């Protein structure tokens, strides 16, 4: 199973290109976790935390 993660640092940015690249790599859209509006310096990234948890569990939540 493939797990995807996409992030944009501002709310005005679009995740479409990242989602399209993940889909082209074979990642199911239901297995893509997203953080929107979070800069790279923020430690708390809920989408990344969920993606890592899905990797550990072996199934998307």
C-alpha atoms as a PDB file:
ATOM      1  CA  UNK A   1       0.000   0.000   0.000  1.00  0.00           C
ATOM      2  CA  UNK A   2       1.221   3.488  -0.857  1.00  0.00           C
ATOM      3  CA  UNK A   3       0.708   6.425   1.518  1.00  0.00           C
ATOM      4  CA  UNK A   4       0.977  10.017   0.274  1.00  0.00           C
ATOM      5  CA  UNK A   5       1.598  13.346   1.993  1.00  0.00           C
ATOM      6  CA  UNK A   6       1.144  16.830   0.540  1.00  0.00           C
ATOM      7  CA  UNK A   7       1.783  20.187   2.185  1.00  0.00           C
ATOM      8  CA  UNK A   8       1.412  23.847   1.268  1.00  0.00           C
ATOM      9  CA  UNK A   9       2.815  26.556   3.482  1.00  0.00           C
ATOM     10  CA  UNK A  10       0.143  29.154   2.768  1.00  0.00           C
ATOM     11  CA  UNK A  11      -3.624  28.983   2.411  1.00  0.00           C
ATOM     12  CA  UNK A  12      -3.395  30.632  -1.015  1.00  0.00           C
ATOM     13  CA  UNK A  13      -1.332  27.781  -2.485  1.00  0.00           C
ATOM     14  CA  UNK A  14      -2.918  24.851  -4.295  1.00  0.00           C
ATOM     15  CA  UNK A  15      -2.263  21.169  -3.645  1.00  0.00           C
ATOM     16  CA  UNK A  16      -3.447  20.040  -7.101  1.00  0.00           C
ATOM     17  CA  UNK A  17       0.023  19.473  -8.576  1.00  0.00           C
ATOM     18  CA  UNK A  18       1.120  17.455  -5.538  1.00  0.00           C
ATOM     19  CA  UNK A  19      -2.082  15.398  -5.545  1.00  0.00           C
ATOM     20  CA  UNK A  20      -1.683  14.740  -9.286  1.00  0.00           C
ATOM     21  CA  UNK A  21       1.928  13.612  -8.804  1.00  0.00           C
ATOM     22  CA  UNK A  22       0.902  11.266  -6.001  1.00  0.00           C
ATOM     23  CA  UNK A  23      -1.909   9.838  -8.145  1.00  0.00           C
ATOM     24  CA  UNK A  24       0.534   9.328 -11.034  1.00  0.00           C
ATOM     25  CA  UNK A  25       2.783   7.422  -8.627  1.00  0.00           C
ATOM     26  CA  UNK A  26      -0.123   5.113  -7.836  1.00  0.00           C
ATOM     27  CA  UNK A  27      -1.242   6.527  -4.490  1.00  0.00           C
ATOM     28  CA  UNK A  28      -4.979   6.116  -3.861  1.00  0.00           C
ATOM     29  CA  UNK A  29      -6.579   9.541  -3.167  1.00  0.00           C
ATOM     30  CA  UNK A  30      -7.988   8.140   0.106  1.00  0.00           C
ATOM     31  CA  UNK A  31      -4.412   7.446   1.241  1.00  0.00           C
ATOM     32  CA  UNK A  32      -3.189  11.037   0.752  1.00  0.00           C
ATOM     33  CA  UNK A  33      -2.786  13.079   3.920  1.00  0.00           C
ATOM     34  CA  UNK A  34      -2.597  16.863   3.726  1.00  0.00           C
ATOM     35  CA  UNK A  35      -1.382  19.838   5.717  1.00  0.00           C
ATOM     36  CA  UNK A  36      -2.498  23.173   4.296  1.00  0.00           C
ATOM     37  CA  UNK A  37      -1.283  26.539   5.544  1.00  0.00           C
ATOM     38  CA  UNK A  38       1.575  25.191   7.670  1.00  0.00           C
ATOM     39  CA  UNK A  39       5.102  26.466   7.178  1.00  0.00           C
ATOM     40  CA  UNK A  40       8.095  24.152   7.177  1.00  0.00           C
ATOM     41  CA  UNK A  41       9.133  25.423  10.599  1.00  0.00           C
ATOM     42  CA  UNK A  42       5.925  24.294  12.318  1.00  0.00           C
ATOM     43  CA  UNK A  43       6.473  21.118  14.290  1.00  0.00           C
ATOM     44  CA  UNK A  44       2.799  20.197  14.669  1.00  0.00           C
ATOM     45  CA  UNK A  45       1.645  18.787  11.332  1.00  0.00           C
ATOM     46  CA  UNK A  46      -1.549  16.779  11.801  1.00  0.00           C
ATOM     47  CA  UNK A  47      -1.540  15.445   8.232  1.00  0.00           C
ATOM     48  CA  UNK A  48       2.022  14.184   8.537  1.00  0.00           C
ATOM     49  CA  UNK A  49       1.227  12.604  11.893  1.00  0.00           C
ATOM     50  CA  UNK A  50      -1.766  10.803  10.312  1.00  0.00           C
ATOM     51  CA  UNK A  51       0.334   9.644   7.338  1.00  0.00           C
ATOM     52  CA  UNK A  52       2.997   8.218   9.633  1.00  0.00           C
ATOM     53  CA  UNK A  53       0.341   6.509  11.749  1.00  0.00           C
ATOM     54  CA  UNK A  54      -1.142   4.961   8.595  1.00  0.00           C
ATOM     55  CA  UNK A  55       2.306   3.656   7.661  1.00  0.00           C
ATOM     56  CA  UNK A  56       2.705   2.057  11.061  1.00  0.00           C
ATOM     57  CA  UNK A  57      -0.823   0.600  10.971  1.00  0.00           C
ATOM     58  CA  UNK A  58      -0.483  -0.585   7.388  1.00  0.00           C
ATOM     59  CA  UNK A  59      -3.890   0.834   6.430  1.00  0.00           C
ATOM     60  CA  UNK A  60      -5.229   4.355   5.894  1.00  0.00           C
ATOM     61  CA  UNK A  61      -7.433   5.745   8.635  1.00  0.00           C
END
